[in-house]
Amino acid sequence: MKDENDNKTIDCVAEPKPKLIETELGIEKLCLCCDDYYPMDDEFFYPKRRKTASGVKYEYEAVCKACYPIHYNKQTSRRYKAKSKHEMAA
């Protein structure tokens, strides 16, 4: 976008979305993969259990259940790209 008074380019940076919002359905969490809000419960997000110094903390994953295999299979697929010599010969 260019300013009419100046010939310099202005960067339009959108405000980042909040990770949690309060709606009539309760607290909703932002899925980082599909960029939509879903209710923060076990139906839409996988629960995650973390041990801390003060005890056990329960959280939810950053991506929804629909996006979970898409998001995490990208990471694991790189591990299995290297084939053994037997697979290359076949």
N, C-alpha and C. Protein backbone atom coordinates (compact mmCIF):
# COMPACT_ATOMS: atom_id res chain seq x y z
N MET A 1 0.84 -1.17 0.00
CA MET A 1 0.00 0.00 0.00
C MET A 1 0.89 1.23 0.00
N LYS A 2 0.57 2.19 -0.81
CA LYS A 2 1.39 3.40 -0.88
C LYS A 2 0.63 4.58 -0.31
N ASP A 3 1.36 5.40 0.39
CA ASP A 3 0.80 6.63 0.91
C ASP A 3 0.79 7.66 -0.21
N GLU A 4 -0.30 8.43 -0.35
CA GLU A 4 -0.40 9.38 -1.44
C GLU A 4 0.58 10.54 -1.29
N ASN A 5 0.85 10.94 -0.05
CA ASN A 5 1.79 12.04 0.18
C ASN A 5 3.24 11.60 0.04
N ASP A 6 3.49 10.37 0.32
CA ASP A 6 4.83 9.81 0.25
C ASP A 6 4.83 8.71 -0.80
N ASN A 7 5.94 8.48 -1.41
CA ASN A 7 6.03 7.37 -2.34
C ASN A 7 6.66 6.15 -1.68
N LYS A 8 6.64 6.11 -0.35
CA LYS A 8 7.18 4.98 0.39
C LYS A 8 6.08 3.93 0.59
N THR A 9 6.48 2.69 0.67
CA THR A 9 5.53 1.61 0.88
C THR A 9 5.24 1.47 2.37
N ILE A 10 3.97 1.31 2.70
CA ILE A 10 3.56 1.12 4.08
C ILE A 10 3.17 -0.34 4.25
N ASP A 11 3.74 -1.01 5.24
CA ASP A 11 3.40 -2.39 5.50
C ASP A 11 2.11 -2.46 6.31
N CYS A 12 1.15 -3.19 5.81
CA CYS A 12 -0.11 -3.39 6.53
C CYS A 12 0.02 -4.70 7.30
N VAL A 13 0.20 -4.59 8.58
CA VAL A 13 0.34 -5.76 9.43
C VAL A 13 -0.96 -5.96 10.19
N ALA A 14 -1.58 -7.09 9.98
CA ALA A 14 -2.83 -7.39 10.66
C ALA A 14 -2.54 -7.77 12.11
N GLU A 15 -3.46 -7.42 12.99
CA GLU A 15 -3.32 -7.78 14.39
C GLU A 15 -3.46 -9.29 14.52
N PRO A 16 -2.62 -9.94 15.31
CA PRO A 16 -2.77 -11.38 15.49
C PRO A 16 -4.06 -11.70 16.25
N LYS A 17 -4.66 -12.82 15.93
CA LYS A 17 -5.90 -13.22 16.61
C LYS A 17 -5.57 -13.68 18.03
N PRO A 18 -6.46 -13.43 18.99
CA PRO A 18 -6.23 -13.95 20.34
C PRO A 18 -6.39 -15.47 20.34
N LYS A 19 -5.63 -16.16 21.19
CA LYS A 19 -5.69 -17.63 21.23
C LYS A 19 -6.96 -18.13 21.89
N LEU A 20 -7.49 -17.37 22.83
CA LEU A 20 -8.72 -17.76 23.51
C LEU A 20 -9.72 -16.61 23.44
N ILE A 21 -10.99 -16.95 23.22
CA ILE A 21 -12.04 -15.93 23.25
C ILE A 21 -13.21 -16.46 24.08
N GLU A 22 -13.98 -15.56 24.63
CA GLU A 22 -15.17 -15.91 25.42
C GLU A 22 -16.40 -15.68 24.55
N THR A 23 -17.22 -16.72 24.35
CA THR A 23 -18.45 -16.60 23.56
C THR A 23 -19.61 -17.14 24.39
N GLU A 24 -20.79 -17.17 23.79
CA GLU A 24 -21.96 -17.70 24.50
C GLU A 24 -21.83 -19.20 24.73
N LEU A 25 -20.97 -19.87 23.96
CA LEU A 25 -20.73 -21.31 24.14
C LEU A 25 -19.70 -21.58 25.23
N GLY A 26 -19.01 -20.56 25.70
CA GLY A 26 -17.95 -20.71 26.69
C GLY A 26 -16.63 -20.24 26.09
N ILE A 27 -15.54 -20.77 26.62
CA ILE A 27 -14.22 -20.39 26.13
C ILE A 27 -13.93 -21.17 24.85
N GLU A 28 -13.49 -20.45 23.82
CA GLU A 28 -13.12 -21.09 22.55
C GLU A 28 -11.64 -20.85 22.27
N LYS A 29 -11.00 -21.86 21.69
CA LYS A 29 -9.56 -21.83 21.42
C LYS A 29 -9.32 -21.74 19.92
N LEU A 30 -8.26 -21.05 19.54
CA LEU A 30 -7.88 -20.89 18.14
C LEU A 30 -7.04 -22.07 17.68
N CYS A 31 -7.43 -22.68 16.57
CA CYS A 31 -6.62 -23.73 15.95
C CYS A 31 -5.55 -23.04 15.11
N LEU A 32 -4.30 -23.36 15.34
CA LEU A 32 -3.21 -22.70 14.63
C LEU A 32 -3.11 -23.12 13.17
N CYS A 33 -3.66 -24.26 12.83
CA CYS A 33 -3.55 -24.76 11.47
C CYS A 33 -4.65 -24.20 10.56
N CYS A 34 -5.92 -24.34 10.98
CA CYS A 34 -7.02 -23.88 10.12
C CYS A 34 -7.49 -22.48 10.47
N ASP A 35 -6.99 -21.90 11.54
CA ASP A 35 -7.26 -20.51 11.93
C ASP A 35 -8.74 -20.27 12.25
N ASP A 36 -9.39 -21.26 12.87
CA ASP A 36 -10.78 -21.15 13.31
C ASP A 36 -10.85 -21.34 14.82
N TYR A 37 -11.94 -20.86 15.41
CA TYR A 37 -12.17 -21.02 16.85
C TYR A 37 -13.12 -22.19 17.09
N TYR A 38 -12.80 -23.02 18.09
CA TYR A 38 -13.62 -24.15 18.50
C TYR A 38 -13.71 -24.16 20.02
N PRO A 39 -14.81 -24.73 20.57
CA PRO A 39 -14.90 -24.82 22.03
C PRO A 39 -13.72 -25.62 22.60
N MET A 40 -13.19 -25.15 23.70
CA MET A 40 -12.01 -25.77 24.29
C MET A 40 -12.44 -26.95 25.16
N ASP A 41 -12.62 -28.11 24.52
CA ASP A 41 -12.96 -29.33 25.24
C ASP A 41 -12.41 -30.53 24.48
N ASP A 42 -12.66 -31.73 25.04
CA ASP A 42 -12.10 -32.96 24.47
C ASP A 42 -12.72 -33.33 23.12
N GLU A 43 -13.84 -32.73 22.77
CA GLU A 43 -14.47 -33.05 21.50
C GLU A 43 -13.70 -32.46 20.31
N PHE A 44 -13.08 -31.31 20.50
CA PHE A 44 -12.41 -30.62 19.40
C PHE A 44 -10.88 -30.63 19.49
N PHE A 45 -10.30 -30.77 20.69
CA PHE A 45 -8.86 -30.74 20.87
C PHE A 45 -8.40 -31.95 21.68
N TYR A 46 -7.21 -32.47 21.35
CA TYR A 46 -6.65 -33.56 22.13
C TYR A 46 -6.08 -32.99 23.43
N PRO A 47 -6.41 -33.64 24.57
CA PRO A 47 -5.84 -33.16 25.83
C PRO A 47 -4.37 -33.58 25.95
N LYS A 48 -3.63 -32.80 26.69
CA LYS A 48 -2.20 -33.04 26.87
C LYS A 48 -1.91 -32.87 28.36
N ARG A 49 -1.21 -33.81 28.95
CA ARG A 49 -0.91 -33.79 30.38
C ARG A 49 0.56 -33.48 30.58
N ARG A 50 0.84 -32.42 31.36
CA ARG A 50 2.23 -32.02 31.63
C ARG A 50 2.50 -32.06 33.12
N LYS A 51 3.68 -32.55 33.46
CA LYS A 51 4.09 -32.53 34.86
C LYS A 51 4.87 -31.25 35.13
N THR A 52 4.51 -30.56 36.18
CA THR A 52 5.21 -29.35 36.59
C THR A 52 5.66 -29.53 38.02
N ALA A 53 6.40 -28.56 38.55
CA ALA A 53 6.88 -28.63 39.92
C ALA A 53 5.72 -28.57 40.91
N SER A 54 4.64 -27.89 40.55
CA SER A 54 3.50 -27.75 41.45
C SER A 54 2.49 -28.89 41.29
N GLY A 55 2.69 -29.79 40.36
CA GLY A 55 1.77 -30.90 40.15
C GLY A 55 1.57 -31.18 38.67
N VAL A 56 0.41 -31.71 38.35
CA VAL A 56 0.09 -32.06 36.96
C VAL A 56 -0.80 -30.97 36.38
N LYS A 57 -0.47 -30.55 35.15
CA LYS A 57 -1.24 -29.52 34.47
C LYS A 57 -1.85 -30.11 33.20
N TYR A 58 -3.14 -29.91 33.02
CA TYR A 58 -3.84 -30.40 31.83
C TYR A 58 -4.03 -29.25 30.85
N GLU A 59 -3.65 -29.48 29.60
CA GLU A 59 -3.76 -28.48 28.54
C GLU A 59 -4.36 -29.16 27.32
N TYR A 60 -4.56 -28.37 26.28
CA TYR A 60 -5.02 -28.90 25.00
C TYR A 60 -3.98 -28.60 23.94
N GLU A 61 -3.94 -29.46 22.92
CA GLU A 61 -3.01 -29.26 21.80
C GLU A 61 -3.30 -27.95 21.08
N ALA A 62 -2.34 -27.46 20.32
CA ALA A 62 -2.48 -26.18 19.62
C ALA A 62 -3.33 -26.29 18.36
N VAL A 63 -3.47 -27.49 17.81
CA VAL A 63 -4.28 -27.69 16.61
C VAL A 63 -5.48 -28.56 16.94
N CYS A 64 -6.57 -28.38 16.21
CA CYS A 64 -7.80 -29.15 16.47
C CYS A 64 -7.61 -30.60 16.00
N LYS A 65 -8.57 -31.45 16.36
CA LYS A 65 -8.49 -32.87 16.00
C LYS A 65 -8.51 -33.08 14.49
N ALA A 66 -9.22 -32.24 13.76
CA ALA A 66 -9.28 -32.39 12.30
C ALA A 66 -7.93 -32.08 11.65
N CYS A 67 -7.20 -31.10 12.19
CA CYS A 67 -5.92 -30.69 11.61
C CYS A 67 -4.72 -31.45 12.20
N TYR A 68 -4.94 -32.18 13.27
CA TYR A 68 -3.83 -32.84 13.97
C TYR A 68 -3.03 -33.77 13.06
N PRO A 69 -3.64 -34.70 12.32
CA PRO A 69 -2.83 -35.58 11.46
C PRO A 69 -2.12 -34.82 10.34
N ILE A 70 -2.75 -33.80 9.82
CA ILE A 70 -2.13 -33.01 8.74
C ILE A 70 -0.91 -32.27 9.27
N HIS A 71 -1.06 -31.65 10.43
CA HIS A 71 0.01 -30.84 10.99
C HIS A 71 1.19 -31.69 11.45
N TYR A 72 0.92 -32.79 12.16
CA TYR A 72 2.00 -33.58 12.72
C TYR A 72 2.56 -34.61 11.76
N ASN A 73 1.84 -35.00 10.72
CA ASN A 73 2.41 -35.93 9.74
C ASN A 73 3.49 -35.25 8.90
N LYS A 74 3.45 -33.93 8.79
CA LYS A 74 4.52 -33.22 8.07
C LYS A 74 5.85 -33.45 8.77
N GLN A 75 5.82 -33.43 10.09
CA GLN A 75 7.06 -33.59 10.85
C GLN A 75 7.57 -35.02 10.80
N THR A 76 6.66 -36.01 10.93
CA THR A 76 7.11 -37.40 10.94
C THR A 76 7.46 -37.90 9.55
N SER A 77 6.87 -37.34 8.50
CA SER A 77 7.16 -37.83 7.16
C SER A 77 8.61 -37.55 6.75
N ARG A 78 9.21 -36.49 7.30
CA ARG A 78 10.61 -36.19 6.98
C ARG A 78 11.54 -37.25 7.56
N ARG A 79 11.15 -37.86 8.67
CA ARG A 79 11.99 -38.87 9.29
C ARG A 79 12.11 -40.11 8.43
N TYR A 80 11.04 -40.45 7.72
CA TYR A 80 11.01 -41.70 6.98
C TYR A 80 11.33 -41.54 5.50
N LYS A 81 11.82 -40.38 5.10
CA LYS A 81 12.18 -40.18 3.69
C LYS A 81 13.41 -40.99 3.31
N ALA A 82 14.38 -41.09 4.24
CA ALA A 82 15.59 -41.85 3.95
C ALA A 82 15.24 -43.33 3.90
N LYS A 83 15.49 -43.97 2.79
CA LYS A 83 15.16 -45.37 2.64
C LYS A 83 16.40 -46.22 2.84
N SER A 84 16.18 -47.43 3.26
CA SER A 84 17.30 -48.34 3.43
C SER A 84 17.79 -48.80 2.04
N LYS A 85 18.93 -49.45 2.00
CA LYS A 85 19.49 -49.94 0.74
C LYS A 85 18.57 -50.97 0.09
N HIS A 86 17.88 -51.77 0.92
CA HIS A 86 17.00 -52.79 0.38
C HIS A 86 15.79 -52.16 -0.31
N GLU A 87 15.27 -51.06 0.23
CA GLU A 87 14.12 -50.40 -0.38
C GLU A 87 14.53 -49.68 -1.67
N MET A 88 15.74 -49.14 -1.72
CA MET A 88 16.20 -48.45 -2.92
C MET A 88 16.40 -49.41 -4.08
N ALA A 89 16.82 -50.65 -3.79
CA ALA A 89 17.09 -51.63 -4.84
C ALA A 89 15.79 -52.17 -5.44
N ALA A 90 14.73 -52.13 -4.70
CA ALA A 90 13.47 -52.73 -5.17
C ALA A 90 12.77 -51.90 -6.21
